């Protein structure tokens, strides 16, 4: 598994996770990239840990983008809100944006709506 996520903004950030056997390598972008390597007892544990890292970054707004994806492959993967009422999604007519919404059960009742650009991952 080798996956790179992007957090779009004025200075886009990148986060990469690579699993090789029982080793998980993380690379966080910056002026000097921060590289962290960790060994696990099994390949399954390594892949599971990498999945947790990727989900945490996606909850923080990062997105997986694959503009050169072949038909049937993942083109865009990002976190959509999921409140008490379940998530609702829709694609823009031109196919460039996804709208995600959910009912909020936080301190005040309401809804959360995110519009995500498919090409850049920007919200």
PDB file of N, CA and C in Angstrom:
ATOM      1  N   UNK A   1       0.847  -1.173   0.000  1.00  0.00           N
ATOM      2  CA  UNK A   1       0.000   0.000   0.000  1.00  0.00           C
ATOM      3  C   UNK A   1       0.894   1.238   0.000  1.00  0.00           C
ATOM      4  N   UNK A   2       0.580   2.171  -0.846  1.00  0.00           N
ATOM      5  CA  UNK A   2       1.311   3.433  -0.936  1.00  0.00           C
ATOM      6  C   UNK A   2       0.286   4.497  -1.302  1.00  0.00           C
ATOM      7  N   UNK A   3      -0.030   5.389  -0.370  1.00  0.00           N
ATOM      8  CA  UNK A   3      -1.073   6.379  -0.608  1.00  0.00           C
ATOM      9  C   UNK A   3      -0.609   7.754  -0.154  1.00  0.00           C
ATOM     10  N   UNK A   4      -0.863   8.750  -0.999  1.00  0.00           N
ATOM     11  CA  UNK A   4      -0.529  10.133  -0.657  1.00  0.00           C
ATOM     12  C   UNK A   4      -1.813  10.949  -0.584  1.00  0.00           C
ATOM     13  N   UNK A   5      -1.958  11.712   0.505  1.00  0.00           N
ATOM     14  CA  UNK A   5      -3.113  12.573   0.713  1.00  0.00           C
ATOM     15  C   UNK A   5      -2.685  14.023   0.597  1.00  0.00           C
ATOM     16  N   UNK A   6      -3.629  14.892   0.213  1.00  0.00           N
ATOM     17  CA  UNK A   6      -3.354  16.321   0.047  1.00  0.00           C
ATOM     18  C   UNK A   6      -4.358  17.118   0.861  1.00  0.00           C
ATOM     19  N   UNK A   7      -3.873  18.149   1.558  1.00  0.00           N
ATOM     20  CA  UNK A   7      -4.732  19.114   2.239  1.00  0.00           C
ATOM     21  C   UNK A   7      -4.567  20.417   1.488  1.00  0.00           C
ATOM     22  N   UNK A   8      -5.603  20.797   0.753  1.00  0.00           N
ATOM     23  CA  UNK A   8      -5.513  21.981  -0.088  1.00  0.00           C
ATOM     24  C   UNK A   8      -5.622  23.243   0.745  1.00  0.00           C
ATOM     25  N   UNK A   9      -4.945  24.281   0.332  1.00  0.00           N
ATOM     26  CA  UNK A   9      -4.953  25.569   1.001  1.00  0.00           C
ATOM     27  C   UNK A   9      -3.983  26.486   0.298  1.00  0.00           C
ATOM     28  N   UNK A  10      -3.643  27.613   0.933  1.00  0.00           N
ATOM     29  CA  UNK A  10      -2.697  28.530   0.306  1.00  0.00           C
ATOM     30  C   UNK A  10      -1.346  27.851   0.105  1.00  0.00           C
ATOM     31  N   UNK A  11      -0.965  26.986   1.049  1.00  0.00           N
ATOM     32  CA  UNK A  11       0.240  26.158   0.919  1.00  0.00           C
ATOM     33  C   UNK A  11      -0.186  24.711   1.130  1.00  0.00           C
ATOM     34  N   UNK A  12      -0.497  23.991   0.051  1.00  0.00           N
ATOM     35  CA  UNK A  12      -0.979  22.614   0.200  1.00  0.00           C
ATOM     36  C   UNK A  12      -0.008  21.748   1.004  1.00  0.00           C
ATOM     37  N   UNK A  13      -0.576  20.873   1.840  1.00  0.00           N
ATOM     38  CA  UNK A  13       0.218  19.939   2.631  1.00  0.00           C
ATOM     39  C   UNK A  13       0.013  18.542   2.066  1.00  0.00           C
ATOM     40  N   UNK A  14       1.036  17.721   2.184  1.00  0.00           N
ATOM     41  CA  UNK A  14       0.958  16.343   1.702  1.00  0.00           C
ATOM     42  C   UNK A  14       1.322  15.391   2.838  1.00  0.00           C
ATOM     43  N   UNK A  15       0.677  14.244   2.828  1.00  0.00           N
ATOM     44  CA  UNK A  15       0.938  13.199   3.818  1.00  0.00           C
ATOM     45  C   UNK A  15       0.939  11.873   3.074  1.00  0.00           C
ATOM     46  N   UNK A  16       1.999  11.118   3.215  1.00  0.00           N
ATOM     47  CA  UNK A  16       2.127   9.852   2.485  1.00  0.00           C
ATOM     48  C   UNK A  16       2.338   8.706   3.465  1.00  0.00           C
ATOM     49  N   UNK A  17       1.662   7.597   3.204  1.00  0.00           N
ATOM     50  CA  UNK A  17       1.833   6.383   3.998  1.00  0.00           C
ATOM     51  C   UNK A  17       2.207   5.257   3.042  1.00  0.00           C
ATOM     52  N   UNK A  18       3.271   4.563   3.387  1.00  0.00           N
ATOM     53  CA  UNK A  18       3.730   3.435   2.570  1.00  0.00           C
ATOM     54  C   UNK A  18       3.899   2.219   3.482  1.00  0.00           C
ATOM     55  N   UNK A  19       3.302   1.096   3.084  1.00  0.00           N
ATOM     56  CA  UNK A  19       3.445  -0.156   3.828  1.00  0.00           C
ATOM     57  C   UNK A  19       4.271  -1.112   2.984  1.00  0.00           C
ATOM     58  N   UNK A  20       5.369  -1.589   3.567  1.00  0.00           N
ATOM     59  CA  UNK A  20       6.217  -2.582   2.921  1.00  0.00           C
ATOM     60  C   UNK A  20       6.383  -3.726   3.911  1.00  0.00           C
ATOM     61  N   UNK A  21       5.671  -4.816   3.669  1.00  0.00           N
ATOM     62  CA  UNK A  21       5.726  -5.938   4.605  1.00  0.00           C
ATOM     63  C   UNK A  21       5.152  -5.543   5.952  1.00  0.00           C
ATOM     64  N   UNK A  22       5.997  -5.557   6.988  1.00  0.00           N
ATOM     65  CA  UNK A  22       5.547  -5.209   8.342  1.00  0.00           C
ATOM     66  C   UNK A  22       5.961  -3.797   8.750  1.00  0.00           C
ATOM     67  N   UNK A  23       6.442  -3.007   7.799  1.00  0.00           N
ATOM     68  CA  UNK A  23       6.921  -1.652   8.073  1.00  0.00           C
ATOM     69  C   UNK A  23       5.956  -0.607   7.527  1.00  0.00           C
ATOM     70  N   UNK A  24       5.659   0.401   8.360  1.00  0.00           N
ATOM     71  CA  UNK A  24       4.834   1.535   7.932  1.00  0.00           C
ATOM     72  C   UNK A  24       5.712   2.776   7.961  1.00  0.00           C
ATOM     73  N   UNK A  25       5.781   3.464   6.825  1.00  0.00           N
ATOM     74  CA  UNK A  25       6.547   4.707   6.725  1.00  0.00           C
ATOM     75  C   UNK A  25       5.571   5.854   6.476  1.00  0.00           C
ATOM     76  N   UNK A  26       5.690   6.920   7.294  1.00  0.00           N
ATOM     77  CA  UNK A  26       4.875   8.126   7.120  1.00  0.00           C
ATOM     78  C   UNK A  26       5.791   9.258   6.692  1.00  0.00           C
ATOM     79  N   UNK A  27       5.348  10.045   5.731  1.00  0.00           N
ATOM     80  CA  UNK A  27       6.102  11.221   5.310  1.00  0.00           C
ATOM     81  C   UNK A  27       5.141  12.402   5.333  1.00  0.00           C
ATOM     82  N   UNK A  28       5.421  13.381   6.193  1.00  0.00           N
ATOM     83  CA  UNK A  28       4.609  14.596   6.284  1.00  0.00           C
ATOM     84  C   UNK A  28       5.394  15.733   5.650  1.00  0.00           C
ATOM     85  N   UNK A  29       4.746  16.462   4.732  1.00  0.00           N
ATOM     86  CA  UNK A  29       5.445  17.538   4.024  1.00  0.00           C
ATOM     87  C   UNK A  29       5.692  18.724   4.938  1.00  0.00           C
ATOM     88  N   UNK A  30       6.625  19.538   4.538  1.00  0.00           N
ATOM     89  CA  UNK A  30       7.011  20.739   5.259  1.00  0.00           C
ATOM     90  C   UNK A  30       8.292  21.257   4.651  1.00  0.00           C
ATOM     91  N   UNK A  31       8.898  22.254   5.295  1.00  0.00           N
ATOM     92  CA  UNK A  31      10.176  22.756   4.777  1.00  0.00           C
ATOM     93  C   UNK A  31      11.177  21.617   4.691  1.00  0.00           C
ATOM     94  N   UNK A  32      11.214  20.801   5.748  1.00  0.00           N
ATOM     95  CA  UNK A  32      11.977  19.557   5.713  1.00  0.00           C
ATOM     96  C   UNK A  32      10.988  18.446   6.040  1.00  0.00           C
ATOM     97  N   UNK A  33      10.743  17.540   5.098  1.00  0.00           N
ATOM     98  CA  UNK A  33       9.759  16.480   5.333  1.00  0.00           C
ATOM     99  C   UNK A  33      10.091  15.660   6.579  1.00  0.00           C
ATOM    100  N   UNK A  34       9.044  15.331   7.347  1.00  0.00           N
ATOM    101  CA  UNK A  34       9.216  14.519   8.547  1.00  0.00           C
ATOM    102  C   UNK A  34       8.899  13.072   8.177  1.00  0.00           C
ATOM    103  N   UNK A  35       9.870  12.193   8.381  1.00  0.00           N
ATOM    104  CA  UNK A  35       9.705  10.780   8.041  1.00  0.00           C
ATOM    105  C   UNK A  35       9.702   9.959   9.328  1.00  0.00           C
ATOM    106  N   UNK A  36       8.664   9.137   9.494  1.00  0.00           N
ATOM    107  CA  UNK A  36       8.537   8.266  10.657  1.00  0.00           C
ATOM    108  C   UNK A  36       8.359   6.838  10.163  1.00  0.00           C
ATOM    109  N   UNK A  37       9.114   5.914  10.737  1.00  0.00           N
ATOM    110  CA  UNK A  37       9.021   4.506  10.358  1.00  0.00           C
ATOM    111  C   UNK A  37       8.716   3.676  11.597  1.00  0.00           C
ATOM    112  N   UNK A  38       7.782   2.719  11.452  1.00  0.00           N
ATOM    113  CA  UNK A  38       7.425   1.858  12.582  1.00  0.00           C
ATOM    114  C   UNK A  38       7.246   0.422  12.102  1.00  0.00           C
ATOM    115  N   UNK A  39       7.771  -0.519  12.893  1.00  0.00           N
ATOM    116  CA  UNK A  39       7.664  -1.953  12.598  1.00  0.00           C
ATOM    117  C   UNK A  39       6.473  -2.540  13.348  1.00  0.00           C
ATOM    118  N   UNK A  40       5.790  -3.492  12.733  1.00  0.00           N
ATOM    119  CA  UNK A  40       4.674  -4.197  13.357  1.00  0.00           C
ATOM    120  C   UNK A  40       4.940  -5.691  13.329  1.00  0.00           C
ATOM    121  N   UNK A  41       4.221  -6.435  14.157  1.00  0.00           N
ATOM    122  CA  UNK A  41       4.427  -7.882  14.268  1.00  0.00           C
ATOM    123  C   UNK A  41       4.007  -8.635  13.009  1.00  0.00           C
ATOM    124  N   UNK A  42       3.006  -8.099  12.302  1.00  0.00           N
ATOM    125  CA  UNK A  42       2.534  -8.782  11.095  1.00  0.00           C
ATOM    126  C   UNK A  42       2.184  -7.762  10.017  1.00  0.00           C
ATOM    127  N   UNK A  43       2.064  -8.257   8.795  1.00  0.00           N
ATOM    128  CA  UNK A  43       1.682  -7.394   7.675  1.00  0.00           C
ATOM    129  C   UNK A  43       0.264  -6.852   7.885  1.00  0.00           C
ATOM    130  N   UNK A  44      -0.623  -7.685   8.433  1.00  0.00           N
ATOM    131  CA  UNK A  44      -1.998  -7.262   8.704  1.00  0.00           C
ATOM    132  C   UNK A  44      -2.018  -6.089   9.677  1.00  0.00           C
ATOM    133  N   UNK A  45      -1.217  -6.175  10.769  1.00  0.00           N
ATOM    134  CA  UNK A  45      -1.149  -5.086  11.749  1.00  0.00           C
ATOM    135  C   UNK A  45      -0.614  -3.809  11.107  1.00  0.00           C
ATOM    136  N   UNK A  46       0.358  -3.939  10.225  1.00  0.00           N
ATOM    137  CA  UNK A  46       0.930  -2.771   9.543  1.00  0.00           C
ATOM    138  C   UNK A  46      -0.122  -2.107   8.659  1.00  0.00           C
ATOM    139  N   UNK A  47      -0.862  -2.901   7.878  1.00  0.00           N
ATOM    140  CA  UNK A  47      -1.905  -2.341   7.010  1.00  0.00           C
ATOM    141  C   UNK A  47      -3.031  -1.716   7.825  1.00  0.00           C
ATOM    142  N   UNK A  48      -3.372  -2.327   8.943  1.00  0.00           N
ATOM    143  CA  UNK A  48      -4.416  -1.794   9.821  1.00  0.00           C
ATOM    144  C   UNK A  48      -3.990  -0.443  10.402  1.00  0.00           C
ATOM    145  N   UNK A  49      -2.746  -0.350  10.858  1.00  0.00           N
ATOM    146  CA  UNK A  49      -2.226   0.908  11.410  1.00  0.00           C
ATOM    147  C   UNK A  49      -2.185   1.992  10.341  1.00  0.00           C
ATOM    148  N   UNK A  50      -1.784   1.628   9.124  1.00  0.00           N
ATOM    149  CA  UNK A  50      -1.746   2.599   8.022  1.00  0.00           C
ATOM    150  C   UNK A  50      -3.149   3.102   7.714  1.00  0.00           C
ATOM    151  N   UNK A  51      -4.129   2.210   7.726  1.00  0.00           N
ATOM    152  CA  UNK A  51      -5.517   2.605   7.494  1.00  0.00           C
ATOM    153  C   UNK A  51      -6.007   3.595   8.531  1.00  0.00           C
ATOM    154  N   UNK A  52      -5.643   3.373   9.800  1.00  0.00           N
ATOM    155  CA  UNK A  52      -6.030   4.303  10.870  1.00  0.00           C
ATOM    156  C   UNK A  52      -5.402   5.677  10.645  1.00  0.00           C
ATOM    157  N   UNK A  53      -4.132   5.700  10.253  1.00  0.00           N
ATOM    158  CA  UNK A  53      -3.452   6.975   9.984  1.00  0.00           C
ATOM    159  C   UNK A  53      -4.147   7.730   8.854  1.00  0.00           C
ATOM    160  N   UNK A  54      -4.481   7.013   7.781  1.00  0.00           N
ATOM    161  CA  UNK A  54      -5.132   7.643   6.629  1.00  0.00           C
ATOM    162  C   UNK A  54      -6.514   8.181   6.998  1.00  0.00           C
ATOM    163  N   UNK A  55      -7.304   7.403   7.756  1.00  0.00           N
ATOM    164  CA  UNK A  55      -8.640   7.871   8.160  1.00  0.00           C
ATOM    165  C   UNK A  55      -8.550   9.108   9.045  1.00  0.00           C
ATOM    166  N   UNK A  56      -7.573   9.148   9.944  1.00  0.00           N
ATOM    167  CA  UNK A  56      -7.410  10.319  10.818  1.00  0.00           C
ATOM    168  C   UNK A  56      -7.088  11.564   9.995  1.00  0.00           C
ATOM    169  N   UNK A  57      -6.223  11.430   9.007  1.00  0.00           N
ATOM    170  CA  UNK A  57      -5.878  12.575   8.153  1.00  0.00           C
ATOM    171  C   UNK A  57      -7.079  13.015   7.325  1.00  0.00           C
ATOM    172  N   UNK A  58      -7.859  12.056   6.823  1.00  0.00           N
ATOM    173  CA  UNK A  58      -9.038  12.420   6.028  1.00  0.00           C
ATOM    174  C   UNK A  58     -10.071  13.146   6.888  1.00  0.00           C
ATOM    175  N   UNK A  59     -10.223  12.736   8.156  1.00  0.00           N
ATOM    176  CA  UNK A  59     -11.131  13.457   9.053  1.00  0.00           C
ATOM    177  C   UNK A  59     -10.656  14.887   9.270  1.00  0.00           C
ATOM    178  N   UNK A  60      -9.350  15.112   9.149  1.00  0.00           N
ATOM    179  CA  UNK A  60      -8.776  16.451   9.326  1.00  0.00           C
ATOM    180  C   UNK A  60      -8.827  17.276   8.041  1.00  0.00           C
ATOM    181  N   UNK A  61      -9.431  16.733   6.971  1.00  0.00           N
ATOM    182  CA  UNK A  61      -9.600  17.502   5.740  1.00  0.00           C
ATOM    183  C   UNK A  61      -8.724  17.092   4.572  1.00  0.00           C
ATOM    184  N   UNK A  62      -7.826  16.141   4.777  1.00  0.00           N
ATOM    185  CA  UNK A  62      -6.983  15.663   3.674  1.00  0.00           C
ATOM    186  C   UNK A  62      -7.824  14.824   2.713  1.00  0.00           C
ATOM    187  N   UNK A  63      -7.392  14.730   1.459  1.00  0.00           N
ATOM    188  CA  UNK A  63      -8.101  13.932   0.454  1.00  0.00           C
ATOM    189  C   UNK A  63      -7.101  13.157  -0.389  1.00  0.00           C
ATOM    190  N   UNK A  64      -7.528  11.979  -0.850  1.00  0.00           N
ATOM    191  CA  UNK A  64      -6.739  11.185  -1.786  1.00  0.00           C
ATOM    192  C   UNK A  64      -7.209  11.562  -3.181  1.00  0.00           C
ATOM    193  N   UNK A  65      -6.283  11.985  -4.032  1.00  0.00           N
ATOM    194  CA  UNK A  65      -6.603  12.399  -5.393  1.00  0.00           C
ATOM    195  C   UNK A  65      -5.821  11.543  -6.377  1.00  0.00           C
ATOM    196  N   UNK A  66      -6.498  11.068  -7.409  1.00  0.00           N
ATOM    197  CA  UNK A  66      -5.840  10.267  -8.445  1.00  0.00           C
ATOM    198  C   UNK A  66      -6.354  10.715  -9.804  1.00  0.00           C
ATOM    199  N   UNK A  67      -5.874  11.873 -10.299  1.00  0.00           N
ATOM    200  CA  UNK A  67      -6.396  12.405 -11.560  1.00  0.00           C
ATOM    201  C   UNK A  67      -6.164  11.492 -12.761  1.00  0.00           C
ATOM    202  N   UNK A  68      -5.179  10.609 -12.681  1.00  0.00           N
ATOM    203  CA  UNK A  68      -4.874   9.711 -13.796  1.00  0.00           C
ATOM    204  C   UNK A  68      -5.457   8.314 -13.595  1.00  0.00           C
ATOM    205  N   UNK A  69      -6.458   8.200 -12.718  1.00  0.00           N
ATOM    206  CA  UNK A  69      -7.051   6.890 -12.431  1.00  0.00           C
ATOM    207  C   UNK A  69      -7.702   6.303 -13.679  1.00  0.00           C
ATOM    208  N   UNK A  70      -7.541   5.009 -13.828  1.00  0.00           N
ATOM    209  CA  UNK A  70      -8.174   4.296 -14.945  1.00  0.00           C
ATOM    210  C   UNK A  70      -9.657   4.098 -14.627  1.00  0.00           C
ATOM    211  N   UNK A  71     -10.475   3.851 -15.638  1.00  0.00           N
ATOM    212  CA  UNK A  71     -11.896   3.601 -15.380  1.00  0.00           C
ATOM    213  C   UNK A  71     -12.079   2.491 -14.341  1.00  0.00           C
ATOM    214  N   UNK A  72     -12.932   2.753 -13.360  1.00  0.00           N
ATOM    215  CA  UNK A  72     -13.194   1.789 -12.299  1.00  0.00           C
ATOM    216  C   UNK A  72     -12.302   1.946 -11.086  1.00  0.00           C
ATOM    217  N   UNK A  73     -11.230   2.754 -11.179  1.00  0.00           N
ATOM    218  CA  UNK A  73     -10.346   2.995 -10.040  1.00  0.00           C
ATOM    219  C   UNK A  73     -10.818   4.228  -9.276  1.00  0.00           C
ATOM    220  N   UNK A  74     -10.363   4.360  -8.028  1.00  0.00           N
ATOM    221  CA  UNK A  74     -10.751   5.499  -7.194  1.00  0.00           C
ATOM    222  C   UNK A  74     -10.108   6.769  -7.736  1.00  0.00           C
ATOM    223  N   UNK A  75     -10.933   7.796  -7.943  1.00  0.00           N
ATOM    224  CA  UNK A  75     -10.490   9.092  -8.454  1.00  0.00           C
ATOM    225  C   UNK A  75     -10.295  10.090  -7.317  1.00  0.00           C
ATOM    226  N   UNK A  76     -11.175  10.018  -6.328  1.00  0.00           N
ATOM    227  CA  UNK A  76     -11.156  10.956  -5.203  1.00  0.00           C
ATOM    228  C   UNK A  76     -11.703  10.228  -3.984  1.00  0.00           C
ATOM    229  N   UNK A  77     -11.013  10.373  -2.843  1.00  0.00           N
ATOM    230  CA  UNK A  77     -11.496   9.783  -1.601  1.00  0.00           C
ATOM    231  C   UNK A  77     -11.285  10.803  -0.500  1.00  0.00           C
ATOM    232  N   UNK A  78     -12.363  11.172   0.196  1.00  0.00           N
ATOM    233  CA  UNK A  78     -12.258  12.112   1.305  1.00  0.00           C
ATOM    234  C   UNK A  78     -13.328  11.787   2.328  1.00  0.00           C
ATOM    235  N   UNK A  79     -13.241  12.417   3.476  1.00  0.00           N
ATOM    236  CA  UNK A  79     -14.165  12.162   4.574  1.00  0.00           C
ATOM    237  C   UNK A  79     -15.414  13.007   4.406  1.00  0.00           C
ATOM    238  N   UNK A  80     -16.563  12.381   4.510  1.00  0.00           N
ATOM    239  CA  UNK A  80     -17.836  13.098   4.498  1.00  0.00           C
ATOM    240  C   UNK A  80     -18.401  13.113   5.899  1.00  0.00           C
ATOM    241  N   UNK A  81     -19.159  14.138   6.248  1.00  0.00           N
ATOM    242  CA  UNK A  81     -19.707  14.215   7.601  1.00  0.00           C
ATOM    243  C   UNK A  81     -20.686  13.077   7.845  1.00  0.00           C
ATOM    244  N   UNK A  82     -20.794  12.655   9.066  1.00  0.00           N
ATOM    245  CA  UNK A  82     -21.754  11.608   9.416  1.00  0.00           C
ATOM    246  C   UNK A  82     -22.351  11.887  10.772  1.00  0.00           C
ATOM    247  N   UNK A  83     -23.449  12.572  10.811  1.00  0.00           N
ATOM    248  CA  UNK A  83     -24.107  12.895  12.080  1.00  0.00           C
ATOM    249  C   UNK A  83     -25.182  11.880  12.389  1.00  0.00           C
ATOM    250  N   UNK A  84     -26.055  12.231  13.299  1.00  0.00           N
ATOM    251  CA  UNK A  84     -27.106  11.333  13.742  1.00  0.00           C
ATOM    252  C   UNK A  84     -28.062  10.920  12.643  1.00  0.00           C
ATOM    253  N   UNK A  85     -28.271  11.743  11.632  1.00  0.00           N
ATOM    254  CA  UNK A  85     -29.253  11.429  10.602  1.00  0.00           C
ATOM    255  C   UNK A  85     -28.685  10.714   9.400  1.00  0.00           C
ATOM    256  N   UNK A  86     -27.405  10.426   9.389  1.00  0.00           N
ATOM    257  CA  UNK A  86     -26.800   9.773   8.229  1.00  0.00           C
ATOM    258  C   UNK A  86     -26.369  10.790   7.191  1.00  0.00           C
ATOM    259  N   UNK A  87     -25.494  10.379   6.357  1.00  0.00           N
ATOM    260  CA  UNK A  87     -24.930  11.295   5.352  1.00  0.00           C
ATOM    261  C   UNK A  87     -25.786  11.332   4.095  1.00  0.00           C
ATOM    262  N   UNK A  88     -25.811  12.495   3.456  1.00  0.00           N
ATOM    263  CA  UNK A  88     -26.491  12.690   2.183  1.00  0.00           C
ATOM    264  C   UNK A  88     -25.456  13.276   1.240  1.00  0.00           C
ATOM    265  N   UNK A  89     -25.355  12.732   0.032  1.00  0.00           N
ATOM    266  CA  UNK A  89     -24.368  13.226  -0.925  1.00  0.00           C
ATOM    267  C   UNK A  89     -25.022  13.480  -2.268  1.00  0.00           C
ATOM    268  N   UNK A  90     -24.444  14.413  -3.021  1.00  0.00           N
ATOM    269  CA  UNK A  90     -24.909  14.685  -4.373  1.00  0.00           C
ATOM    270  C   UNK A  90     -23.732  15.191  -5.189  1.00  0.00           C
ATOM    271  N   UNK A  91     -23.756  14.920  -6.473  1.00  0.00           N
ATOM    272  CA  UNK A  91     -22.716  15.339  -7.405  1.00  0.00           C
ATOM    273  C   UNK A  91     -23.222  16.527  -8.206  1.00  0.00           C
ATOM    274  N   UNK A  92     -22.366  17.533  -8.421  1.00  0.00           N
ATOM    275  CA  UNK A  92     -22.775  18.701  -9.210  1.00  0.00           C
ATOM    276  C   UNK A  92     -23.044  18.273 -10.654  1.00  0.00           C
ATOM    277  N   UNK A  93     -23.896  19.026 -11.381  1.00  0.00           N
ATOM    278  CA  UNK A  93     -24.223  18.651 -12.761  1.00  0.00           C
ATOM    279  C   UNK A  93     -22.998  18.502 -13.671  1.00  0.00           C
ATOM    280  N   UNK A  94     -21.958  19.315 -13.426  1.00  0.00           N
ATOM    281  CA  UNK A  94     -20.767  19.219 -14.276  1.00  0.00           C
ATOM    282  C   UNK A  94     -19.777  18.159 -13.783  1.00  0.00           C
ATOM    283  N   UNK A  95     -20.092  17.508 -12.652  1.00  0.00           N
ATOM    284  CA  UNK A  95     -19.256  16.428 -12.141  1.00  0.00           C
ATOM    285  C   UNK A  95     -17.971  16.867 -11.476  1.00  0.00           C
ATOM    286  N   UNK A  96     -17.850  18.156 -11.118  1.00  0.00           N
ATOM    287  CA  UNK A  96     -16.598  18.648 -10.537  1.00  0.00           C
ATOM    288  C   UNK A  96     -16.635  18.779  -9.015  1.00  0.00           C
ATOM    289  N   UNK A  97     -17.825  18.716  -8.418  1.00  0.00           N
ATOM    290  CA  UNK A  97     -17.946  18.912  -6.972  1.00  0.00           C
ATOM    291  C   UNK A  97     -18.907  17.889  -6.369  1.00  0.00           C
ATOM    292  N   UNK A  98     -18.666  17.582  -5.083  1.00  0.00           N
ATOM    293  CA  UNK A  98     -19.558  16.722  -4.316  1.00  0.00           C
ATOM    294  C   UNK A  98     -20.085  17.557  -3.156  1.00  0.00           C
ATOM    295  N   UNK A  99     -21.384  17.505  -2.919  1.00  0.00           N
ATOM    296  CA  UNK A  99     -21.977  18.145  -1.744  1.00  0.00           C
ATOM    297  C   UNK A  99     -22.317  17.042  -0.748  1.00  0.00           C
ATOM    298  N   UNK A 100     -21.861  17.209   0.493  1.00  0.00           N
ATOM    299  CA  UNK A 100     -22.136  16.243   1.558  1.00  0.00           C
ATOM    300  C   UNK A 100     -22.867  16.973   2.671  1.00  0.00           C
ATOM    301  N   UNK A 101     -23.884  16.357   3.237  1.00  0.00           N
ATOM    302  CA  UNK A 101     -24.623  16.981   4.330  1.00  0.00           C
ATOM    303  C   UNK A 101     -25.025  15.931   5.348  1.00  0.00           C
ATOM    304  N   UNK A 102     -25.136  16.354   6.601  1.00  0.00           N
ATOM    305  CA  UNK A 102     -25.638  15.470   7.648  1.00  0.00           C
ATOM    306  C   UNK A 102     -26.298  16.304   8.728  1.00  0.00           C
ATOM    307  N   UNK A 103     -27.219  15.680   9.448  1.00  0.00           N
ATOM    308  CA  UNK A 103     -27.876  16.353  10.564  1.00  0.00           C
ATOM    309  C   UNK A 103     -26.923  16.328  11.741  1.00  0.00           C
ATOM    310  N   UNK A 104     -26.803  17.458  12.410  1.00  0.00           N
ATOM    311  CA  UNK A 104     -25.896  17.587  13.540  1.00  0.00           C
ATOM    312  C   UNK A 104     -26.646  17.311  14.835  1.00  0.00           C
ATOM    313  N   UNK A 105     -26.052  16.530  15.711  1.00  0.00           N
ATOM    314  CA  UNK A 105     -26.665  16.270  17.012  1.00  0.00           C
ATOM    315  C   UNK A 105     -25.802  16.864  18.119  1.00  0.00           C
ATOM    316  N   UNK A 106     -25.066  17.908  17.779  1.00  0.00           N
ATOM    317  CA  UNK A 106     -24.192  18.550  18.752  1.00  0.00           C
ATOM    318  C   UNK A 106     -25.015  19.437  19.679  1.00  0.00           C
ATOM    319  N   UNK A 107     -24.411  20.385  20.369  1.00  0.00           N
ATOM    320  CA  UNK A 107     -25.093  21.204  21.370  1.00  0.00           C
ATOM    321  C   UNK A 107     -26.313  21.935  20.822  1.00  0.00           C
ATOM    322  N   UNK A 108     -26.301  22.281  19.560  1.00  0.00           N
ATOM    323  CA  UNK A 108     -27.480  22.899  18.951  1.00  0.00           C
ATOM    324  C   UNK A 108     -27.803  22.138  17.665  1.00  0.00           C
ATOM    325  N   UNK A 109     -29.076  21.920  17.444  1.00  0.00           N
ATOM    326  CA  UNK A 109     -29.528  21.136  16.298  1.00  0.00           C
ATOM    327  C   UNK A 109     -29.280  21.910  15.012  1.00  0.00           C
ATOM    328  N   UNK A 110     -28.873  21.237  13.980  1.00  0.00           N
ATOM    329  CA  UNK A 110     -28.642  21.875  12.691  1.00  0.00           C
ATOM    330  C   UNK A 110     -28.121  20.875  11.689  1.00  0.00           C
ATOM    331  N   UNK A 111     -27.518  21.371  10.653  1.00  0.00           N
ATOM    332  CA  UNK A 111     -26.964  20.508   9.611  1.00  0.00           C
ATOM    333  C   UNK A 111     -25.569  20.988   9.242  1.00  0.00           C
ATOM    334  N   UNK A 112     -24.734  20.054   8.842  1.00  0.00           N
ATOM    335  CA  UNK A 112     -23.394  20.373   8.349  1.00  0.00           C
ATOM    336  C   UNK A 112     -23.402  20.115   6.851  1.00  0.00           C
ATOM    337  N   UNK A 113     -22.914  21.074   6.080  1.00  0.00           N
ATOM    338  CA  UNK A 113     -22.848  20.917   4.632  1.00  0.00           C
ATOM    339  C   UNK A 113     -21.425  21.221   4.176  1.00  0.00           C
ATOM    340  N   UNK A 114     -20.845  20.321   3.398  1.00  0.00           N
ATOM    341  CA  UNK A 114     -19.518  20.513   2.832  1.00  0.00           C
ATOM    342  C   UNK A 114     -19.630  20.405   1.319  1.00  0.00           C
ATOM    343  N   UNK A 115     -18.950  21.277   0.606  1.00  0.00           N
ATOM    344  CA  UNK A 115     -18.832  21.150  -0.843  1.00  0.00           C
ATOM    345  C   UNK A 115     -17.360  20.869  -1.113  1.00  0.00           C
ATOM    346  N   UNK A 116     -17.076  19.751  -1.747  1.00  0.00           N
ATOM    347  CA  UNK A 116     -15.701  19.314  -1.977  1.00  0.00           C
ATOM    348  C   UNK A 116     -15.410  19.314  -3.470  1.00  0.00           C
ATOM    349  N   UNK A 117     -14.315  19.988  -3.861  1.00  0.00           N
ATOM    350  CA  UNK A 117     -13.869  19.983  -5.250  1.00  0.00           C
ATOM    351  C   UNK A 117     -13.177  18.651  -5.519  1.00  0.00           C
ATOM    352  N   UNK A 118     -13.641  17.908  -6.501  1.00  0.00           N
ATOM    353  CA  UNK A 118     -13.100  16.573  -6.764  1.00  0.00           C
ATOM    354  C   UNK A 118     -11.641  16.621  -7.207  1.00  0.00           C
ATOM    355  N   UNK A 119     -11.270  17.575  -8.044  1.00  0.00           N
ATOM    356  CA  UNK A 119      -9.905  17.634  -8.584  1.00  0.00           C
ATOM    357  C   UNK A 119      -8.866  18.010  -7.543  1.00  0.00           C
ATOM    358  N   UNK A 120      -9.212  18.923  -6.609  1.00  0.00           N
ATOM    359  CA  UNK A 120      -8.214  19.423  -5.664  1.00  0.00           C
ATOM    360  C   UNK A 120      -8.420  18.962  -4.232  1.00  0.00           C
ATOM    361  N   UNK A 121      -9.633  18.522  -3.896  1.00  0.00           N
ATOM    362  CA  UNK A 121      -9.934  18.142  -2.521  1.00  0.00           C
ATOM    363  C   UNK A 121     -10.278  19.328  -1.647  1.00  0.00           C
ATOM    364  N   UNK A 122     -10.276  20.541  -2.213  1.00  0.00           N
ATOM    365  CA  UNK A 122     -10.580  21.755  -1.440  1.00  0.00           C
ATOM    366  C   UNK A 122     -12.026  21.729  -0.973  1.00  0.00           C
ATOM    367  N   UNK A 123     -12.241  22.207   0.261  1.00  0.00           N
ATOM    368  CA  UNK A 123     -13.593  22.290   0.826  1.00  0.00           C
ATOM    369  C   UNK A 123     -14.034  23.724   0.876  1.00  0.00           C
TER     370      UNK A 123
END
